[in-house]
mmCIF file of all heavy atoms, coordinates in Angstrom:
data_MODEL
# 
_entry.id   MODEL 
# 
loop_
_atom_site.group_PDB 
_atom_site.id 
_atom_site.type_symbol 
_atom_site.label_atom_id 
_atom_site.label_alt_id 
_atom_site.label_comp_id 
_atom_site.label_asym_id 
_atom_site.label_entity_id 
_atom_site.label_seq_id 
_atom_site.pdbx_PDB_ins_code 
_atom_site.Cartn_x 
_atom_site.Cartn_y 
_atom_site.Cartn_z 
_atom_site.occupancy 
_atom_site.B_iso_or_equiv 
_atom_site.pdbx_formal_charge 
_atom_site.auth_seq_id 
_atom_site.auth_comp_id 
_atom_site.auth_asym_id 
_atom_site.auth_atom_id 
_atom_site.pdbx_PDB_model_num 
ATOM 1   N N   . LEU A 1 1  ? 0.499  -3.174  -14.821 1.00 0.00 ? 1  LEU A N   1 
ATOM 2   C CA  . LEU A 1 1  ? -0.419 -3.706  -13.812 1.00 0.00 ? 1  LEU A CA  1 
ATOM 3   C C   . LEU A 1 1  ? -0.907 -5.075  -14.250 1.00 0.00 ? 1  LEU A C   1 
ATOM 4   O O   . LEU A 1 1  ? -1.667 -5.182  -15.238 1.00 0.00 ? 1  LEU A O   1 
ATOM 5   C CB  . LEU A 1 1  ? -1.605 -2.772  -13.619 1.00 0.00 ? 1  LEU A CB  1 
ATOM 6   C CG  . LEU A 1 1  ? -1.330 -1.362  -13.065 1.00 0.00 ? 1  LEU A CG  1 
ATOM 7   C CD1 . LEU A 1 1  ? -2.617 -0.560  -12.999 1.00 0.00 ? 1  LEU A CD1 1 
ATOM 8   C CD2 . LEU A 1 1  ? -0.655 -1.428  -11.710 1.00 0.00 ? 1  LEU A CD2 1 
ATOM 9   N N   . VAL A 1 2  ? -0.494 -6.108  -13.587 1.00 0.00 ? 2  VAL A N   1 
ATOM 10  C CA  . VAL A 1 2  ? -0.916 -7.472  -13.920 1.00 0.00 ? 2  VAL A CA  1 
ATOM 11  C C   . VAL A 1 2  ? -1.903 -7.934  -12.840 1.00 0.00 ? 2  VAL A C   1 
ATOM 12  O O   . VAL A 1 2  ? -1.526 -8.125  -11.684 1.00 0.00 ? 2  VAL A O   1 
ATOM 13  C CB  . VAL A 1 2  ? 0.294  -8.431  -13.968 1.00 0.00 ? 2  VAL A CB  1 
ATOM 14  C CG1 . VAL A 1 2  ? -0.153 -9.836  -14.348 1.00 0.00 ? 2  VAL A CG1 1 
ATOM 15  C CG2 . VAL A 1 2  ? 1.332  -7.919  -14.963 1.00 0.00 ? 2  VAL A CG2 1 
ATOM 16  N N   . LYS A 1 3  ? -3.151 -8.063  -13.226 1.00 0.00 ? 3  LYS A N   1 
ATOM 17  C CA  . LYS A 1 3  ? -4.206 -8.345  -12.251 1.00 0.00 ? 3  LYS A CA  1 
ATOM 18  C C   . LYS A 1 3  ? -3.886 -9.635  -11.486 1.00 0.00 ? 3  LYS A C   1 
ATOM 19  O O   . LYS A 1 3  ? -3.566 -10.669 -12.054 1.00 0.00 ? 3  LYS A O   1 
ATOM 20  C CB  . LYS A 1 3  ? -5.549 -8.475  -12.957 1.00 0.00 ? 3  LYS A CB  1 
ATOM 21  C CG  . LYS A 1 3  ? -6.708 -8.642  -12.000 1.00 0.00 ? 3  LYS A CG  1 
ATOM 22  C CD  . LYS A 1 3  ? -8.058 -8.466  -12.703 1.00 0.00 ? 3  LYS A CD  1 
ATOM 23  C CE  . LYS A 1 3  ? -8.375 -7.004  -12.921 1.00 0.00 ? 3  LYS A CE  1 
ATOM 24  N NZ  . LYS A 1 3  ? -9.773 -6.803  -13.362 1.00 0.00 ? 3  LYS A NZ  1 
ATOM 25  N N   . GLY A 1 4  ? -3.941 -9.523  -10.155 1.00 0.00 ? 4  GLY A N   1 
ATOM 26  C CA  . GLY A 1 4  ? -3.655 -10.651 -9.297  1.00 0.00 ? 4  GLY A CA  1 
ATOM 27  C C   . GLY A 1 4  ? -2.189 -10.767 -8.914  1.00 0.00 ? 4  GLY A C   1 
ATOM 28  O O   . GLY A 1 4  ? -1.833 -11.554 -8.039  1.00 0.00 ? 4  GLY A O   1 
ATOM 29  N N   . TYR A 1 5  ? -1.332 -9.974  -9.590  1.00 0.00 ? 5  TYR A N   1 
ATOM 30  C CA  . TYR A 1 5  ? 0.112  -10.088 -9.344  1.00 0.00 ? 5  TYR A CA  1 
ATOM 31  C C   . TYR A 1 5  ? 0.773  -8.711  -9.223  1.00 0.00 ? 5  TYR A C   1 
ATOM 32  O O   . TYR A 1 5  ? 1.972  -8.573  -9.436  1.00 0.00 ? 5  TYR A O   1 
ATOM 33  C CB  . TYR A 1 5  ? 0.778  -10.909 -10.448 1.00 0.00 ? 5  TYR A CB  1 
ATOM 34  C CG  . TYR A 1 5  ? 0.265  -12.327 -10.521 1.00 0.00 ? 5  TYR A CG  1 
ATOM 35  C CD1 . TYR A 1 5  ? -0.810 -12.640 -11.356 1.00 0.00 ? 5  TYR A CD1 1 
ATOM 36  C CD2 . TYR A 1 5  ? 0.809  -13.308 -9.716  1.00 0.00 ? 5  TYR A CD2 1 
ATOM 37  C CE1 . TYR A 1 5  ? -1.312 -13.938 -11.414 1.00 0.00 ? 5  TYR A CE1 1 
ATOM 38  C CE2 . TYR A 1 5  ? 0.318  -14.607 -9.774  1.00 0.00 ? 5  TYR A CE2 1 
ATOM 39  C CZ  . TYR A 1 5  ? -0.736 -14.923 -10.610 1.00 0.00 ? 5  TYR A CZ  1 
ATOM 40  O OH  . TYR A 1 5  ? -1.233 -16.208 -10.656 1.00 0.00 ? 5  TYR A OH  1 
ATOM 41  N N   . VAL A 1 6  ? -0.014 -7.682  -8.883  1.00 0.00 ? 6  VAL A N   1 
ATOM 42  C CA  . VAL A 1 6  ? 0.552  -6.346  -8.720  1.00 0.00 ? 6  VAL A CA  1 
ATOM 43  C C   . VAL A 1 6  ? 1.418  -6.319  -7.475  1.00 0.00 ? 6  VAL A C   1 
ATOM 44  O O   . VAL A 1 6  ? 1.055  -6.845  -6.430  1.00 0.00 ? 6  VAL A O   1 
ATOM 45  C CB  . VAL A 1 6  ? -0.580 -5.288  -8.614  1.00 0.00 ? 6  VAL A CB  1 
ATOM 46  C CG1 . VAL A 1 6  ? 0.020  -3.920  -8.340  1.00 0.00 ? 6  VAL A CG1 1 
ATOM 47  C CG2 . VAL A 1 6  ? -1.424 -5.272  -9.861  1.00 0.00 ? 6  VAL A CG2 1 
ATOM 48  N N   . GLY A 1 7  ? 2.607  -5.703  -7.604  1.00 0.00 ? 7  GLY A N   1 
ATOM 49  C CA  . GLY A 1 7  ? 3.507  -5.619  -6.468  1.00 0.00 ? 7  GLY A CA  1 
ATOM 50  C C   . GLY A 1 7  ? 4.057  -4.219  -6.283  1.00 0.00 ? 7  GLY A C   1 
ATOM 51  O O   . GLY A 1 7  ? 4.032  -3.399  -7.202  1.00 0.00 ? 7  GLY A O   1 
ATOM 52  N N   . PRO A 1 8  ? 4.595  -3.924  -5.095  1.00 0.00 ? 8  PRO A N   1 
ATOM 53  C CA  . PRO A 1 8  ? 5.087  -2.574  -4.825  1.00 0.00 ? 8  PRO A CA  1 
ATOM 54  C C   . PRO A 1 8  ? 6.266  -2.148  -5.685  1.00 0.00 ? 8  PRO A C   1 
ATOM 55  O O   . PRO A 1 8  ? 6.440  -0.977  -5.981  1.00 0.00 ? 8  PRO A O   1 
ATOM 56  C CB  . PRO A 1 8  ? 5.454  -2.602  -3.340  1.00 0.00 ? 8  PRO A CB  1 
ATOM 57  C CG  . PRO A 1 8  ? 5.344  -4.002  -2.891  1.00 0.00 ? 8  PRO A CG  1 
ATOM 58  C CD  . PRO A 1 8  ? 4.614  -4.779  -3.906  1.00 0.00 ? 8  PRO A CD  1 
ATOM 59  N N   . ARG A 1 9  ? 7.096  -3.107  -6.096  1.00 0.00 ? 9  ARG A N   1 
ATOM 60  C CA  . ARG A 1 9  ? 8.260  -2.732  -6.922  1.00 0.00 ? 9  ARG A CA  1 
ATOM 61  C C   . ARG A 1 9  ? 7.811  -2.201  -8.281  1.00 0.00 ? 9  ARG A C   1 
ATOM 62  O O   . ARG A 1 9  ? 8.364  -1.236  -8.793  1.00 0.00 ? 9  ARG A O   1 
ATOM 63  C CB  . ARG A 1 9  ? 9.220  -3.900  -7.064  1.00 0.00 ? 9  ARG A CB  1 
ATOM 64  C CG  . ARG A 1 9  ? 9.928  -4.253  -5.779  1.00 0.00 ? 9  ARG A CG  1 
ATOM 65  C CD  . ARG A 1 9  ? 11.194 -5.042  -5.976  1.00 0.00 ? 9  ARG A CD  1 
ATOM 66  N NE  . ARG A 1 9  ? 10.973 -6.383  -6.514  1.00 0.00 ? 9  ARG A NE  1 
ATOM 67  C CZ  . ARG A 1 9  ? 11.896 -7.337  -6.512  1.00 0.00 ? 9  ARG A CZ  1 
ATOM 68  N NH1 . ARG A 1 9  ? 13.108 -7.116  -5.976  1.00 0.00 ? 9  ARG A NH1 1 
ATOM 69  N NH2 . ARG A 1 9  ? 11.638 -8.524  -7.010  1.00 0.00 ? 9  ARG A NH2 1 
ATOM 70  N N   . GLY A 1 10 ? 6.794  -2.837  -8.856  1.00 0.00 ? 10 GLY A N   1 
ATOM 71  C CA  . GLY A 1 10 ? 6.285  -2.371  -10.151 1.00 0.00 ? 10 GLY A CA  1 
ATOM 72  C C   . GLY A 1 10 ? 5.637  -1.009  -10.038 1.00 0.00 ? 10 GLY A C   1 
ATOM 73  O O   . GLY A 1 10 ? 5.763  -0.171  -10.933 1.00 0.00 ? 10 GLY A O   1 
ATOM 74  N N   . LEU A 1 11 ? 4.913  -0.776  -8.940  1.00 0.00 ? 11 LEU A N   1 
ATOM 75  C CA  . LEU A 1 11 ? 4.281  0.510   -8.745  1.00 0.00 ? 11 LEU A CA  1 
ATOM 76  C C   . LEU A 1 11 ? 5.332  1.614   -8.596  1.00 0.00 ? 11 LEU A C   1 
ATOM 77  O O   . LEU A 1 11 ? 5.219  2.693   -9.192  1.00 0.00 ? 11 LEU A O   1 
ATOM 78  C CB  . LEU A 1 11 ? 3.374  0.482   -7.512  1.00 0.00 ? 11 LEU A CB  1 
ATOM 79  C CG  . LEU A 1 11 ? 2.195  -0.510  -7.559  1.00 0.00 ? 11 LEU A CG  1 
ATOM 80  C CD1 . LEU A 1 11 ? 1.370  -0.401  -6.287  1.00 0.00 ? 11 LEU A CD1 1 
ATOM 81  C CD2 . LEU A 1 11 ? 1.316  -0.255  -8.773  1.00 0.00 ? 11 LEU A CD2 1 
ATOM 82  N N   . ALA A 1 12 ? 6.365  1.334   -7.799  1.00 0.00 ? 12 ALA A N   1 
ATOM 83  C CA  . ALA A 1 12 ? 7.421  2.321   -7.594  1.00 0.00 ? 12 ALA A CA  1 
ATOM 84  C C   . ALA A 1 12 ? 8.160  2.633   -8.892  1.00 0.00 ? 12 ALA A C   1 
ATOM 85  O O   . ALA A 1 12 ? 8.476  3.796   -9.187  1.00 0.00 ? 12 ALA A O   1 
ATOM 86  C CB  . ALA A 1 12 ? 8.399  1.841   -6.533  1.00 0.00 ? 12 ALA A CB  1 
ATOM 87  N N   . ALA A 1 13 ? 8.423  1.610   -9.679  1.00 0.00 ? 13 ALA A N   1 
ATOM 88  C CA  . ALA A 1 13 ? 9.151  1.813   -10.934 1.00 0.00 ? 13 ALA A CA  1 
ATOM 89  C C   . ALA A 1 13 ? 8.381  2.640   -11.931 1.00 0.00 ? 13 ALA A C   1 
ATOM 90  O O   . ALA A 1 13 ? 8.965  3.265   -12.831 1.00 0.00 ? 13 ALA A O   1 
ATOM 91  C CB  . ALA A 1 13 ? 9.509  0.441   -11.541 1.00 0.00 ? 13 ALA A CB  1 
ATOM 92  N N   . ASN A 1 14 ? 7.052  2.645   -11.803 1.00 0.00 ? 14 ASN A N   1 
ATOM 93  C CA  . ASN A 1 14 ? 6.221  3.387   -12.749 1.00 0.00 ? 14 ASN A CA  1 
ATOM 94  C C   . ASN A 1 14 ? 5.590  4.642   -12.134 1.00 0.00 ? 14 ASN A C   1 
ATOM 95  O O   . ASN A 1 14 ? 4.668  5.225   -12.693 1.00 0.00 ? 14 ASN A O   1 
ATOM 96  C CB  . ASN A 1 14 ? 5.129  2.463   -13.287 1.00 0.00 ? 14 ASN A CB  1 
ATOM 97  C CG  . ASN A 1 14 ? 5.674  1.410   -14.217 1.00 0.00 ? 14 ASN A CG  1 
ATOM 98  O OD1 . ASN A 1 14 ? 5.851  1.656   -15.413 1.00 0.00 ? 14 ASN A OD1 1 
ATOM 99  N ND2 . ASN A 1 14 ? 5.953  0.226   -13.685 1.00 0.00 ? 14 ASN A ND2 1 
ATOM 100 N N   . GLY A 1 15 ? 6.122  5.076   -11.004 1.00 0.00 ? 15 GLY A N   1 
ATOM 101 C CA  . GLY A 1 15 ? 5.700  6.337   -10.412 1.00 0.00 ? 15 GLY A CA  1 
ATOM 102 C C   . GLY A 1 15 ? 4.299  6.348   -9.851  1.00 0.00 ? 15 GLY A C   1 
ATOM 103 O O   . GLY A 1 15 ? 3.677  7.422   -9.739  1.00 0.00 ? 15 GLY A O   1 
ATOM 104 N N   . VAL A 1 16 ? 3.771  5.175   -9.477  1.00 0.00 ? 16 VAL A N   1 
ATOM 105 C CA  . VAL A 1 16 ? 2.427  5.107   -8.890  1.00 0.00 ? 16 VAL A CA  1 
ATOM 106 C C   . VAL A 1 16 ? 2.547  5.240   -7.373  1.00 0.00 ? 16 VAL A C   1 
ATOM 107 O O   . VAL A 1 16 ? 3.298  4.510   -6.732  1.00 0.00 ? 16 VAL A O   1 
ATOM 108 C CB  . VAL A 1 16 ? 1.709  3.797   -9.251  1.00 0.00 ? 16 VAL A CB  1 
ATOM 109 C CG1 . VAL A 1 16 ? 0.358  3.711   -8.564  1.00 0.00 ? 16 VAL A CG1 1 
ATOM 110 C CG2 . VAL A 1 16 ? 1.557  3.691   -10.756 1.00 0.00 ? 16 VAL A CG2 1 
ATOM 111 N N   . ARG A 1 17 ? 1.811  6.163   -6.804  1.00 0.00 ? 17 ARG A N   1 
ATOM 112 C CA  . ARG A 1 17 ? 1.872  6.403   -5.366  1.00 0.00 ? 17 ARG A CA  1 
ATOM 113 C C   . ARG A 1 17 ? 1.297  5.217   -4.596  1.00 0.00 ? 17 ARG A C   1 
ATOM 114 O O   . ARG A 1 17 ? 0.292  4.632   -5.008  1.00 0.00 ? 17 ARG A O   1 
ATOM 115 C CB  . ARG A 1 17 ? 1.097  7.687   -5.026  1.00 0.00 ? 17 ARG A CB  1 
ATOM 116 C CG  . ARG A 1 17 ? 1.383  8.261   -3.657  1.00 0.00 ? 17 ARG A CG  1 
ATOM 117 C CD  . ARG A 1 17 ? 1.051  9.748   -3.626  1.00 0.00 ? 17 ARG A CD  1 
ATOM 118 N NE  . ARG A 1 17 ? -0.355 10.003  -3.867  1.00 0.00 ? 17 ARG A NE  1 
ATOM 119 C CZ  . ARG A 1 17 ? -1.249 10.207  -2.883  1.00 0.00 ? 17 ARG A CZ  1 
ATOM 120 N NH1 . ARG A 1 17 ? -0.861 10.187  -1.619  1.00 0.00 ? 17 ARG A NH1 1 
ATOM 121 N NH2 . ARG A 1 17 ? -2.503 10.452  -3.170  1.00 0.00 ? 17 ARG A NH2 1 
ATOM 122 N N   . MET A 1 18 ? 1.950  4.864   -3.467  1.00 0.00 ? 18 MET A N   1 
ATOM 123 C CA  . MET A 1 18 ? 1.537  3.730   -2.652  1.00 0.00 ? 18 MET A CA  1 
ATOM 124 C C   . MET A 1 18 ? 1.267  4.204   -1.221  1.00 0.00 ? 18 MET A C   1 
ATOM 125 O O   . MET A 1 18 ? 2.099  4.883   -0.622  1.00 0.00 ? 18 MET A O   1 
ATOM 126 C CB  . MET A 1 18 ? 2.624  2.662   -2.592  1.00 0.00 ? 18 MET A CB  1 
ATOM 127 C CG  . MET A 1 18 ? 2.880  1.947   -3.890  1.00 0.00 ? 18 MET A CG  1 
ATOM 128 S SD  . MET A 1 18 ? 4.221  0.733   -3.682  1.00 0.00 ? 18 MET A SD  1 
ATOM 129 C CE  . MET A 1 18 ? 5.656  1.800   -3.590  1.00 0.00 ? 18 MET A CE  1 
ATOM 130 N N   . LEU A 1 19 ? 0.100  3.856   -0.680  1.00 0.00 ? 19 LEU A N   1 
ATOM 131 C CA  . LEU A 1 19 ? -0.241 4.126   0.692   1.00 0.00 ? 19 LEU A CA  1 
ATOM 132 C C   . LEU A 1 19 ? -0.436 2.788   1.402   1.00 0.00 ? 19 LEU A C   1 
ATOM 133 O O   . LEU A 1 19 ? -1.157 1.922   0.912   1.00 0.00 ? 19 LEU A O   1 
ATOM 134 C CB  . LEU A 1 19 ? -1.519 4.969   0.784   1.00 0.00 ? 19 LEU A CB  1 
ATOM 135 C CG  . LEU A 1 19 ? -1.451 6.340   0.115   1.00 0.00 ? 19 LEU A CG  1 
ATOM 136 C CD1 . LEU A 1 19 ? -2.795 7.065   0.251   1.00 0.00 ? 19 LEU A CD1 1 
ATOM 137 C CD2 . LEU A 1 19 ? -0.336 7.203   0.698   1.00 0.00 ? 19 LEU A CD2 1 
ATOM 138 N N   . ALA A 1 20 ? 0.224  2.632   2.542   1.00 0.00 ? 20 ALA A N   1 
ATOM 139 C CA  . ALA A 1 20 ? 0.268  1.324   3.207   1.00 0.00 ? 20 ALA A CA  1 
ATOM 140 C C   . ALA A 1 20 ? -0.445 1.319   4.541   1.00 0.00 ? 20 ALA A C   1 
ATOM 141 O O   . ALA A 1 20 ? -0.566 2.352   5.228   1.00 0.00 ? 20 ALA A O   1 
ATOM 142 C CB  . ALA A 1 20 ? 1.728  0.893   3.395   1.00 0.00 ? 20 ALA A CB  1 
ATOM 143 N N   . ASP A 1 21 ? -0.880 0.129   4.933   1.00 0.00 ? 21 ASP A N   1 
ATOM 144 C CA  . ASP A 1 21 ? -1.429 -0.103  6.260   1.00 0.00 ? 21 ASP A CA  1 
ATOM 145 C C   . ASP A 1 21 ? -0.343 0.162   7.301   1.00 0.00 ? 21 ASP A C   1 
ATOM 146 O O   . ASP A 1 21 ? 0.847  -0.088  7.044   1.00 0.00 ? 21 ASP A O   1 
ATOM 147 C CB  . ASP A 1 21 ? -1.912 -1.552  6.330   1.00 0.00 ? 21 ASP A CB  1 
ATOM 148 C CG  . ASP A 1 21 ? -2.516 -1.924  7.656   1.00 0.00 ? 21 ASP A CG  1 
ATOM 149 O OD1 . ASP A 1 21 ? -3.722 -1.716  7.826   1.00 0.00 ? 21 ASP A OD1 1 
ATOM 150 O OD2 . ASP A 1 21 ? -1.775 -2.395  8.549   1.00 0.00 ? 21 ASP A OD2 1 
ATOM 151 N N   . PRO A 1 22 ? -0.697 0.660   8.503   1.00 0.00 ? 22 PRO A N   1 
ATOM 152 C CA  . PRO A 1 22 ? 0.315  0.945   9.518   1.00 0.00 ? 22 PRO A CA  1 
ATOM 153 C C   . PRO A 1 22 ? 1.159  -0.248  9.957   1.00 0.00 ? 22 PRO A C   1 
ATOM 154 O O   . PRO A 1 22 ? 2.225  -0.077  10.558  1.00 0.00 ? 22 PRO A O   1 
ATOM 155 C CB  . PRO A 1 22 ? -0.517 1.481   10.697  1.00 0.00 ? 22 PRO A CB  1 
ATOM 156 C CG  . PRO A 1 22 ? -1.744 2.053   10.053  1.00 0.00 ? 22 PRO A CG  1 
ATOM 157 C CD  . PRO A 1 22 ? -2.033 1.150   8.906   1.00 0.00 ? 22 PRO A CD  1 
ATOM 158 N N   . ARG A 1 23 ? 0.683  -1.465  9.651   1.00 0.00 ? 23 ARG A N   1 
ATOM 159 C CA  . ARG A 1 23 ? 1.464  -2.646  10.014  1.00 0.00 ? 23 ARG A CA  1 
ATOM 160 C C   . ARG A 1 23 ? 2.625  -2.894  9.054   1.00 0.00 ? 23 ARG A C   1 
ATOM 161 O O   . ARG A 1 23 ? 3.527  -3.689  9.352   1.00 0.00 ? 23 ARG A O   1 
ATOM 162 C CB  . ARG A 1 23 ? 0.544  -3.880  10.050  1.00 0.00 ? 23 ARG A CB  1 
ATOM 163 C CG  . ARG A 1 23 ? -0.370 -3.943  11.256  1.00 0.00 ? 23 ARG A CG  1 
ATOM 164 C CD  . ARG A 1 23 ? -1.473 -4.965  11.090  1.00 0.00 ? 23 ARG A CD  1 
ATOM 165 N NE  . ARG A 1 23 ? -2.564 -4.409  10.308  1.00 0.00 ? 23 ARG A NE  1 
ATOM 166 C CZ  . ARG A 1 23 ? -3.806 -4.277  10.734  1.00 0.00 ? 23 ARG A CZ  1 
ATOM 167 N NH1 . ARG A 1 23 ? -4.127 -4.651  11.959  1.00 0.00 ? 23 ARG A NH1 1 
ATOM 168 N NH2 . ARG A 1 23 ? -4.750 -3.747  9.975   1.00 0.00 ? 23 ARG A NH2 1 
ATOM 169 N N   . VAL A 1 24 ? 2.609  -2.206  7.895   1.00 0.00 ? 24 VAL A N   1 
ATOM 170 C CA  . VAL A 1 24 ? 3.642  -2.414  6.878   1.00 0.00 ? 24 VAL A CA  1 
ATOM 171 C C   . VAL A 1 24 ? 4.783  -1.441  7.167   1.00 0.00 ? 24 VAL A C   1 
ATOM 172 O O   . VAL A 1 24 ? 4.936  -0.405  6.510   1.00 0.00 ? 24 VAL A O   1 
ATOM 173 C CB  . VAL A 1 24 ? 3.051  -2.213  5.469   1.00 0.00 ? 24 VAL A CB  1 
ATOM 174 C CG1 . VAL A 1 24 ? 4.084  -2.550  4.395   1.00 0.00 ? 24 VAL A CG1 1 
ATOM 175 C CG2 . VAL A 1 24 ? 1.819  -3.082  5.279   1.00 0.00 ? 24 VAL A CG2 1 
# 
């Protein structure tokens, strides 16, 4: 987790669950 530069690919690679806005 790099503050200011967190991205979905890094979260997915490390098994962190992601919930998105309906526009995504």
